């Protein structure tokens, strides 16, 4: 695991349990074939590190206390205009 990305991602998210859930959720998407929103540093880069890099670069955020969209069971991989957000 890239500890530099982890440290920077912790600063952006702030709450460790939320960060763990966000990384787990997005890693599961990547493992099932979703495309990364950032270019991997090298071909063998672990999906966890790719997710941390997405967070650090501002491509992936989390919103707390927000009512879920009406299409919650829709396509999670469709990018939004401001970039994807995961609602926990």
PDB file of N, CA and C in Angstrom:
ATOM      1  N   UNK A   1       0.844  -1.178   0.000  1.00  0.00           N
ATOM      2  CA  UNK A   1       0.000   0.000   0.000  1.00  0.00           C
ATOM      3  C   UNK A   1       0.890   1.243   0.000  1.00  0.00           C
ATOM      4  N   UNK A   2       0.495   2.199  -0.791  1.00  0.00           N
ATOM      5  CA  UNK A   2       1.239   3.440  -0.899  1.00  0.00           C
ATOM      6  C   UNK A   2       0.845   4.351   0.276  1.00  0.00           C
ATOM      7  N   UNK A   3       1.753   4.486   1.239  1.00  0.00           N
ATOM      8  CA  UNK A   3       1.448   5.247   2.453  1.00  0.00           C
ATOM      9  C   UNK A   3       1.364   6.754   2.200  1.00  0.00           C
ATOM     10  N   UNK A   4       2.005   7.226   1.151  1.00  0.00           N
ATOM     11  CA  UNK A   4       1.887   8.642   0.799  1.00  0.00           C
ATOM     12  C   UNK A   4       0.454   8.948   0.359  1.00  0.00           C
ATOM     13  N   UNK A   5      -0.105   8.095  -0.507  1.00  0.00           N
ATOM     14  CA  UNK A   5      -1.499   8.264  -0.924  1.00  0.00           C
ATOM     15  C   UNK A   5      -2.443   8.110   0.264  1.00  0.00           C
ATOM     16  N   UNK A   6      -2.158   7.146   1.135  1.00  0.00           N
ATOM     17  CA  UNK A   6      -3.009   6.912   2.299  1.00  0.00           C
ATOM     18  C   UNK A   6      -3.051   8.140   3.204  1.00  0.00           C
ATOM     19  N   UNK A   7      -1.896   8.727   3.484  1.00  0.00           N
ATOM     20  CA  UNK A   7      -1.821   9.905   4.345  1.00  0.00           C
ATOM     21  C   UNK A   7      -2.590  11.077   3.734  1.00  0.00           C
ATOM     22  N   UNK A   8      -2.398  11.305   2.438  1.00  0.00           N
ATOM     23  CA  UNK A   8      -3.087  12.408   1.773  1.00  0.00           C
ATOM     24  C   UNK A   8      -4.597  12.164   1.694  1.00  0.00           C
ATOM     25  N   UNK A   9      -4.999  10.906   1.484  1.00  0.00           N
ATOM     26  CA  UNK A   9      -6.424  10.573   1.431  1.00  0.00           C
ATOM     27  C   UNK A   9      -7.068  10.770   2.801  1.00  0.00           C
ATOM     28  N   UNK A  10      -6.352  10.421   3.875  1.00  0.00           N
ATOM     29  CA  UNK A  10      -6.859  10.633   5.231  1.00  0.00           C
ATOM     30  C   UNK A  10      -7.085  12.116   5.499  1.00  0.00           C
ATOM     31  N   UNK A  11      -6.186  12.964   5.012  1.00  0.00           N
ATOM     32  CA  UNK A  11      -6.339  14.405   5.179  1.00  0.00           C
ATOM     33  C   UNK A  11      -7.579  14.907   4.437  1.00  0.00           C
ATOM     34  N   UNK A  12      -7.857  14.352   3.244  1.00  0.00           N
ATOM     35  CA  UNK A  12      -9.001  14.803   2.449  1.00  0.00           C
ATOM     36  C   UNK A  12     -10.327  14.330   3.036  1.00  0.00           C
ATOM     37  N   UNK A  13     -10.389  13.073   3.485  1.00  0.00           N
ATOM     38  CA  UNK A  13     -11.646  12.510   3.987  1.00  0.00           C
ATOM     39  C   UNK A  13     -11.845  12.844   5.460  1.00  0.00           C
ATOM     40  N   UNK A  14     -10.786  12.730   6.267  1.00  0.00           N
ATOM     41  CA  UNK A  14     -10.863  13.137   7.667  1.00  0.00           C
ATOM     42  C   UNK A  14     -11.311  12.064   8.628  1.00  0.00           C
ATOM     43  N   UNK A  15     -12.270  11.245   8.265  1.00  0.00           N
ATOM     44  CA  UNK A  15     -12.817  10.231   9.138  1.00  0.00           C
ATOM     45  C   UNK A  15     -12.335   8.859   8.656  1.00  0.00           C
ATOM     46  N   UNK A  16     -11.558   8.157   9.495  1.00  0.00           N
ATOM     47  CA  UNK A  16     -10.949   6.892   9.084  1.00  0.00           C
ATOM     48  C   UNK A  16     -11.995   5.830   8.725  1.00  0.00           C
ATOM     49  N   UNK A  17     -13.041   5.604   9.543  1.00  0.00           N
ATOM     50  CA  UNK A  17     -14.039   4.604   9.142  1.00  0.00           C
ATOM     51  C   UNK A  17     -14.707   4.938   7.797  1.00  0.00           C
ATOM     52  N   UNK A  18     -14.948   6.208   7.539  1.00  0.00           N
ATOM     53  CA  UNK A  18     -15.529   6.614   6.262  1.00  0.00           C
ATOM     54  C   UNK A  18     -14.558   6.332   5.129  1.00  0.00           C
ATOM     55  N   UNK A  19     -13.282   6.614   5.346  1.00  0.00           N
ATOM     56  CA  UNK A  19     -12.262   6.338   4.337  1.00  0.00           C
ATOM     57  C   UNK A  19     -12.198   4.845   4.034  1.00  0.00           C
ATOM     58  N   UNK A  20     -12.228   4.022   5.065  1.00  0.00           N
ATOM     59  CA  UNK A  20     -12.184   2.565   4.880  1.00  0.00           C
ATOM     60  C   UNK A  20     -13.379   2.108   4.046  1.00  0.00           C
ATOM     61  N   UNK A  21     -14.572   2.609   4.370  1.00  0.00           N
ATOM     62  CA  UNK A  21     -15.765   2.218   3.617  1.00  0.00           C
ATOM     63  C   UNK A  21     -15.703   2.689   2.170  1.00  0.00           C
ATOM     64  N   UNK A  22     -15.232   3.898   1.957  1.00  0.00           N
ATOM     65  CA  UNK A  22     -15.119   4.450   0.607  1.00  0.00           C
ATOM     66  C   UNK A  22     -14.134   3.637  -0.224  1.00  0.00           C
ATOM     67  N   UNK A  23     -12.969   3.344   0.341  1.00  0.00           N
ATOM     68  CA  UNK A  23     -11.955   2.563  -0.384  1.00  0.00           C
ATOM     69  C   UNK A  23     -12.482   1.162  -0.674  1.00  0.00           C
ATOM     70  N   UNK A  24     -13.144   0.541   0.288  1.00  0.00           N
ATOM     71  CA  UNK A  24     -13.684  -0.807   0.089  1.00  0.00           C
ATOM     72  C   UNK A  24     -14.728  -0.828  -1.019  1.00  0.00           C
ATOM     73  N   UNK A  25     -15.632   0.144  -0.977  1.00  0.00           N
ATOM     74  CA  UNK A  25     -16.712   0.223  -1.960  1.00  0.00           C
ATOM     75  C   UNK A  25     -16.157   0.406  -3.370  1.00  0.00           C
ATOM     76  N   UNK A  26     -15.258   1.366  -3.522  1.00  0.00           N
ATOM     77  CA  UNK A  26     -14.709   1.659  -4.853  1.00  0.00           C
ATOM     78  C   UNK A  26     -13.792   0.538  -5.339  1.00  0.00           C
ATOM     79  N   UNK A  27     -13.036  -0.085  -4.430  1.00  0.00           N
ATOM     80  CA  UNK A  27     -12.169  -1.198  -4.819  1.00  0.00           C
ATOM     81  C   UNK A  27     -13.008  -2.351  -5.355  1.00  0.00           C
ATOM     82  N   UNK A  28     -14.139  -2.593  -4.719  1.00  0.00           N
ATOM     83  CA  UNK A  28     -15.049  -3.648  -5.182  1.00  0.00           C
ATOM     84  C   UNK A  28     -15.520  -3.337  -6.605  1.00  0.00           C
ATOM     85  N   UNK A  29     -15.817  -2.068  -6.885  1.00  0.00           N
ATOM     86  CA  UNK A  29     -16.216  -1.684  -8.243  1.00  0.00           C
ATOM     87  C   UNK A  29     -15.092  -1.960  -9.244  1.00  0.00           C
ATOM     88  N   UNK A  30     -13.868  -1.580  -8.889  1.00  0.00           N
ATOM     89  CA  UNK A  30     -12.729  -1.827  -9.784  1.00  0.00           C
ATOM     90  C   UNK A  30     -12.494  -3.313  -9.987  1.00  0.00           C
ATOM     91  N   UNK A  31     -12.646  -4.095  -8.931  1.00  0.00           N
ATOM     92  CA  UNK A  31     -12.460  -5.546  -9.041  1.00  0.00           C
ATOM     93  C   UNK A  31     -13.492  -6.180  -9.961  1.00  0.00           C
ATOM     94  N   UNK A  32     -14.665  -5.558 -10.084  1.00  0.00           N
ATOM     95  CA  UNK A  32     -15.724  -6.078 -10.944  1.00  0.00           C
ATOM     96  C   UNK A  32     -15.688  -5.473 -12.340  1.00  0.00           C
ATOM     97  N   UNK A  33     -14.632  -4.747 -12.667  1.00  0.00           N
ATOM     98  CA  UNK A  33     -14.444  -4.279 -14.031  1.00  0.00           C
ATOM     99  C   UNK A  33     -14.658  -2.805 -14.292  1.00  0.00           C
ATOM    100  N   UNK A  34     -14.966  -2.009 -13.259  1.00  0.00           N
ATOM    101  CA  UNK A  34     -15.113  -0.569 -13.468  1.00  0.00           C
ATOM    102  C   UNK A  34     -13.766   0.020 -13.895  1.00  0.00           C
ATOM    103  N   UNK A  35     -13.818   1.078 -14.673  1.00  0.00           N
ATOM    104  CA  UNK A  35     -12.593   1.709 -15.149  1.00  0.00           C
ATOM    105  C   UNK A  35     -12.082   2.703 -14.121  1.00  0.00           C
ATOM    106  N   UNK A  36     -10.783   2.740 -13.901  1.00  0.00           N
ATOM    107  CA  UNK A  36     -10.216   3.740 -12.984  1.00  0.00           C
ATOM    108  C   UNK A  36     -10.370   5.146 -13.551  1.00  0.00           C
ATOM    109  N   UNK A  37     -10.501   6.126 -12.652  1.00  0.00           N
ATOM    110  CA  UNK A  37     -10.638   7.520 -13.061  1.00  0.00           C
ATOM    111  C   UNK A  37      -9.288   8.227 -13.127  1.00  0.00           C
ATOM    112  N   UNK A  38      -8.224   7.510 -12.768  1.00  0.00           N
ATOM    113  CA  UNK A  38      -6.868   8.044 -12.837  1.00  0.00           C
ATOM    114  C   UNK A  38      -5.985   7.023 -13.537  1.00  0.00           C
ATOM    115  N   UNK A  39      -4.876   7.507 -14.059  1.00  0.00           N
ATOM    116  CA  UNK A  39      -3.929   6.606 -14.698  1.00  0.00           C
ATOM    117  C   UNK A  39      -3.089   5.920 -13.616  1.00  0.00           C
ATOM    118  N   UNK A  40      -3.039   4.575 -13.615  1.00  0.00           N
ATOM    119  CA  UNK A  40      -2.197   3.876 -12.635  1.00  0.00           C
ATOM    120  C   UNK A  40      -0.734   4.279 -12.775  1.00  0.00           C
ATOM    121  N   UNK A  41      -0.019   4.273 -11.647  1.00  0.00           N
ATOM    122  CA  UNK A  41       1.398   4.627 -11.653  1.00  0.00           C
ATOM    123  C   UNK A  41       2.239   3.587 -12.386  1.00  0.00           C
ATOM    124  N   UNK A  42       1.808   2.331 -12.331  1.00  0.00           N
ATOM    125  CA  UNK A  42       2.480   1.232 -13.022  1.00  0.00           C
ATOM    126  C   UNK A  42       1.447   0.141 -13.290  1.00  0.00           C
ATOM    127  N   UNK A  43       1.708  -0.758 -14.244  1.00  0.00           N
ATOM    128  CA  UNK A  43       0.700  -1.751 -14.640  1.00  0.00           C
ATOM    129  C   UNK A  43       0.233  -2.686 -13.524  1.00  0.00           C
ATOM    130  N   UNK A  44       1.066  -2.956 -12.554  1.00  0.00           N
ATOM    131  CA  UNK A  44       0.702  -3.888 -11.482  1.00  0.00           C
ATOM    132  C   UNK A  44       0.185  -3.178 -10.233  1.00  0.00           C
ATOM    133  N   UNK A  45      -0.186  -1.910 -10.332  1.00  0.00           N
ATOM    134  CA  UNK A  45      -0.635  -1.147  -9.162  1.00  0.00           C
ATOM    135  C   UNK A  45      -1.915  -1.762  -8.600  1.00  0.00           C
ATOM    136  N   UNK A  46      -1.943  -1.942  -7.290  1.00  0.00           N
ATOM    137  CA  UNK A  46      -3.083  -2.515  -6.598  1.00  0.00           C
ATOM    138  C   UNK A  46      -4.291  -1.584  -6.689  1.00  0.00           C
ATOM    139  N   UNK A  47      -5.489  -2.174  -6.766  1.00  0.00           N
ATOM    140  CA  UNK A  47      -6.711  -1.362  -6.862  1.00  0.00           C
ATOM    141  C   UNK A  47      -6.904  -0.448  -5.657  1.00  0.00           C
ATOM    142  N   UNK A  48      -6.448  -0.875  -4.467  1.00  0.00           N
ATOM    143  CA  UNK A  48      -6.548  -0.002  -3.291  1.00  0.00           C
ATOM    144  C   UNK A  48      -5.765   1.294  -3.511  1.00  0.00           C
ATOM    145  N   UNK A  49      -4.583   1.162  -4.072  1.00  0.00           N
ATOM    146  CA  UNK A  49      -3.773   2.347  -4.327  1.00  0.00           C
ATOM    147  C   UNK A  49      -4.384   3.228  -5.414  1.00  0.00           C
ATOM    148  N   UNK A  50      -5.024   2.612  -6.395  1.00  0.00           N
ATOM    149  CA  UNK A  50      -5.696   3.388  -7.438  1.00  0.00           C
ATOM    150  C   UNK A  50      -6.831   4.205  -6.818  1.00  0.00           C
ATOM    151  N   UNK A  51      -7.590   3.587  -5.905  1.00  0.00           N
ATOM    152  CA  UNK A  51      -8.686   4.302  -5.241  1.00  0.00           C
ATOM    153  C   UNK A  51      -8.133   5.451  -4.399  1.00  0.00           C
ATOM    154  N   UNK A  52      -7.059   5.200  -3.659  1.00  0.00           N
ATOM    155  CA  UNK A  52      -6.452   6.269  -2.855  1.00  0.00           C
ATOM    156  C   UNK A  52      -5.987   7.418  -3.747  1.00  0.00           C
ATOM    157  N   UNK A  53      -5.433   7.081  -4.905  1.00  0.00           N
ATOM    158  CA  UNK A  53      -4.996   8.112  -5.846  1.00  0.00           C
ATOM    159  C   UNK A  53      -6.203   8.885  -6.382  1.00  0.00           C
ATOM    160  N   UNK A  54      -7.327   8.205  -6.628  1.00  0.00           N
ATOM    161  CA  UNK A  54      -8.538   8.891  -7.071  1.00  0.00           C
ATOM    162  C   UNK A  54      -9.002   9.898  -6.019  1.00  0.00           C
ATOM    163  N   UNK A  55      -8.918   9.511  -4.752  1.00  0.00           N
ATOM    164  CA  UNK A  55      -9.310  10.415  -3.666  1.00  0.00           C
ATOM    165  C   UNK A  55      -8.361  11.604  -3.593  1.00  0.00           C
ATOM    166  N   UNK A  56      -7.060  11.335  -3.639  1.00  0.00           N
ATOM    167  CA  UNK A  56      -6.051  12.392  -3.527  1.00  0.00           C
ATOM    168  C   UNK A  56      -6.199  13.402  -4.666  1.00  0.00           C
ATOM    169  N   UNK A  57      -6.486  12.925  -5.862  1.00  0.00           N
ATOM    170  CA  UNK A  57      -6.611  13.824  -7.017  1.00  0.00           C
ATOM    171  C   UNK A  57      -7.998  14.471  -7.114  1.00  0.00           C
ATOM    172  N   UNK A  58      -8.874  14.187  -6.155  1.00  0.00           N
ATOM    173  CA  UNK A  58     -10.180  14.820  -6.141  1.00  0.00           C
ATOM    174  C   UNK A  58     -11.191  14.220  -7.100  1.00  0.00           C
ATOM    175  N   UNK A  59     -10.904  13.056  -7.636  1.00  0.00           N
ATOM    176  CA  UNK A  59     -11.817  12.395  -8.570  1.00  0.00           C
ATOM    177  C   UNK A  59     -12.919  11.633  -7.838  1.00  0.00           C
ATOM    178  N   UNK A  60     -12.712  11.333  -6.560  1.00  0.00           N
ATOM    179  CA  UNK A  60     -13.673  10.563  -5.774  1.00  0.00           C
ATOM    180  C   UNK A  60     -13.854  11.238  -4.429  1.00  0.00           C
ATOM    181  N   UNK A  61     -15.097  11.523  -4.076  1.00  0.00           N
ATOM    182  CA  UNK A  61     -15.400  12.162  -2.800  1.00  0.00           C
ATOM    183  C   UNK A  61     -16.533  11.412  -2.125  1.00  0.00           C
ATOM    184  N   UNK A  62     -16.824  11.796  -0.906  1.00  0.00           N
ATOM    185  CA  UNK A  62     -17.932  11.197  -0.170  1.00  0.00           C
ATOM    186  C   UNK A  62     -18.781  12.327   0.400  1.00  0.00           C
ATOM    187  N   UNK A  63     -20.084  12.123   0.415  1.00  0.00           N
ATOM    188  CA  UNK A  63     -21.014  13.096   0.983  1.00  0.00           C
ATOM    189  C   UNK A  63     -21.754  12.419   2.122  1.00  0.00           C
ATOM    190  N   UNK A  64     -21.740  13.034   3.279  1.00  0.00           N
ATOM    191  CA  UNK A  64     -22.406  12.465   4.442  1.00  0.00           C
ATOM    192  C   UNK A  64     -23.695  13.229   4.717  1.00  0.00           C
ATOM    193  N   UNK A  65     -24.720  12.496   5.142  1.00  0.00           N
ATOM    194  CA  UNK A  65     -25.967  13.133   5.523  1.00  0.00           C
ATOM    195  C   UNK A  65     -26.763  13.674   4.366  1.00  0.00           C
ATOM    196  N   UNK A  66     -26.529  13.148   3.177  1.00  0.00           N
ATOM    197  CA  UNK A  66     -27.232  13.599   1.991  1.00  0.00           C
ATOM    198  C   UNK A  66     -28.239  12.523   1.600  1.00  0.00           C
ATOM    199  N   UNK A  67     -29.426  12.944   1.231  1.00  0.00           N
ATOM    200  CA  UNK A  67     -30.436  11.994   0.796  1.00  0.00           C
ATOM    201  C   UNK A  67     -29.975  11.319  -0.489  1.00  0.00           C
ATOM    202  N   UNK A  68     -30.072   9.979  -0.566  1.00  0.00           N
ATOM    203  CA  UNK A  68     -29.603   9.281  -1.765  1.00  0.00           C
ATOM    204  C   UNK A  68     -30.424   9.655  -2.993  1.00  0.00           C
ATOM    205  N   UNK A  69     -29.800   9.614  -4.160  1.00  0.00           N
ATOM    206  CA  UNK A  69     -30.528   9.926  -5.380  1.00  0.00           C
ATOM    207  C   UNK A  69     -31.616   8.895  -5.636  1.00  0.00           C
ATOM    208  N   UNK A  70     -32.602   9.253  -6.442  1.00  0.00           N
ATOM    209  CA  UNK A  70     -33.720   8.353  -6.707  1.00  0.00           C
ATOM    210  C   UNK A  70     -33.283   7.112  -7.472  1.00  0.00           C
ATOM    211  N   UNK A  71     -32.191   7.194  -8.222  1.00  0.00           N
ATOM    212  CA  UNK A  71     -31.708   6.033  -8.986  1.00  0.00           C
ATOM    213  C   UNK A  71     -30.574   5.333  -8.258  1.00  0.00           C
ATOM    214  N   UNK A  72     -30.726   5.118  -6.953  1.00  0.00           N
ATOM    215  CA  UNK A  72     -29.659   4.528  -6.130  1.00  0.00           C
ATOM    216  C   UNK A  72     -29.226   3.167  -6.652  1.00  0.00           C
ATOM    217  N   UNK A  73     -30.116   2.447  -7.319  1.00  0.00           N
ATOM    218  CA  UNK A  73     -29.751   1.132  -7.836  1.00  0.00           C
ATOM    219  C   UNK A  73     -29.372   1.195  -9.305  1.00  0.00           C
ATOM    220  N   UNK A  74     -29.128   2.399  -9.782  1.00  0.00           N
ATOM    221  CA  UNK A  74     -28.752   2.586 -11.174  1.00  0.00           C
ATOM    222  C   UNK A  74     -27.270   2.328 -11.390  1.00  0.00           C
ATOM    223  N   UNK A  75     -26.729   2.934 -12.400  1.00  0.00           N
ATOM    224  CA  UNK A  75     -25.338   2.737 -12.796  1.00  0.00           C
ATOM    225  C   UNK A  75     -24.418   3.588 -11.924  1.00  0.00           C
ATOM    226  N   UNK A  76     -23.644   2.937 -11.065  1.00  0.00           N
ATOM    227  CA  UNK A  76     -22.728   3.646 -10.172  1.00  0.00           C
ATOM    228  C   UNK A  76     -21.493   4.151 -10.909  1.00  0.00           C
ATOM    229  N   UNK A  77     -21.196   3.568 -12.060  1.00  0.00           N
ATOM    230  CA  UNK A  77     -19.966   3.908 -12.756  1.00  0.00           C
ATOM    231  C   UNK A  77     -20.121   5.096 -13.704  1.00  0.00           C
ATOM    232  N   UNK A  78     -21.326   5.598 -13.853  1.00  0.00           N
ATOM    233  CA  UNK A  78     -21.531   6.736 -14.741  1.00  0.00           C
ATOM    234  C   UNK A  78     -20.971   7.993 -14.087  1.00  0.00           C
ATOM    235  N   UNK A  79     -20.001   8.663 -14.720  1.00  0.00           N
ATOM    236  CA  UNK A  79     -19.415   9.858 -14.114  1.00  0.00           C
ATOM    237  C   UNK A  79     -20.393  11.024 -14.097  1.00  0.00           C
ATOM    238  N   UNK A  80     -20.317  11.818 -13.051  1.00  0.00           N
ATOM    239  CA  UNK A  80     -21.108  13.039 -12.955  1.00  0.00           C
ATOM    240  C   UNK A  80     -20.273  14.187 -13.496  1.00  0.00           C
ATOM    241  N   UNK A  81     -20.883  15.339 -13.638  1.00  0.00           N
ATOM    242  CA  UNK A  81     -20.143  16.490 -14.151  1.00  0.00           C
ATOM    243  C   UNK A  81     -19.006  16.885 -13.221  1.00  0.00           C
ATOM    244  N   UNK A  82     -19.230  16.861 -11.902  1.00  0.00           N
ATOM    245  CA  UNK A  82     -18.209  17.242 -10.932  1.00  0.00           C
ATOM    246  C   UNK A  82     -17.397  16.063 -10.452  1.00  0.00           C
ATOM    247  N   UNK A  83     -17.572  14.898 -11.026  1.00  0.00           N
ATOM    248  CA  UNK A  83     -16.895  13.690 -10.591  1.00  0.00           C
ATOM    249  C   UNK A  83     -17.775  12.918  -9.642  1.00  0.00           C
ATOM    250  N   UNK A  84     -17.547  11.616  -9.549  1.00  0.00           N
ATOM    251  CA  UNK A  84     -18.395  10.766  -8.741  1.00  0.00           C
ATOM    252  C   UNK A  84     -18.257  11.043  -7.242  1.00  0.00           C
ATOM    253  N   UNK A  85     -19.351  10.854  -6.532  1.00  0.00           N
ATOM    254  CA  UNK A  85     -19.378  10.905  -5.086  1.00  0.00           C
ATOM    255  C   UNK A  85     -20.047   9.634  -4.596  1.00  0.00           C
ATOM    256  N   UNK A  86     -19.569   9.111  -3.519  1.00  0.00           N
ATOM    257  CA  UNK A  86     -20.201   7.948  -2.908  1.00  0.00           C
ATOM    258  C   UNK A  86     -20.925   8.434  -1.679  1.00  0.00           C
ATOM    259  N   UNK A  87     -22.195   8.075  -1.568  1.00  0.00           N
ATOM    260  CA  UNK A  87     -22.992   8.479  -0.408  1.00  0.00           C
ATOM    261  C   UNK A  87     -23.039   7.317   0.552  1.00  0.00           C
ATOM    262  N   UNK A  88     -22.522   7.536   1.761  1.00  0.00           N
ATOM    263  CA  UNK A  88     -22.513   6.497   2.787  1.00  0.00           C
ATOM    264  C   UNK A  88     -23.547   6.795   3.836  1.00  0.00           C
TER     265      UNK A  88
END
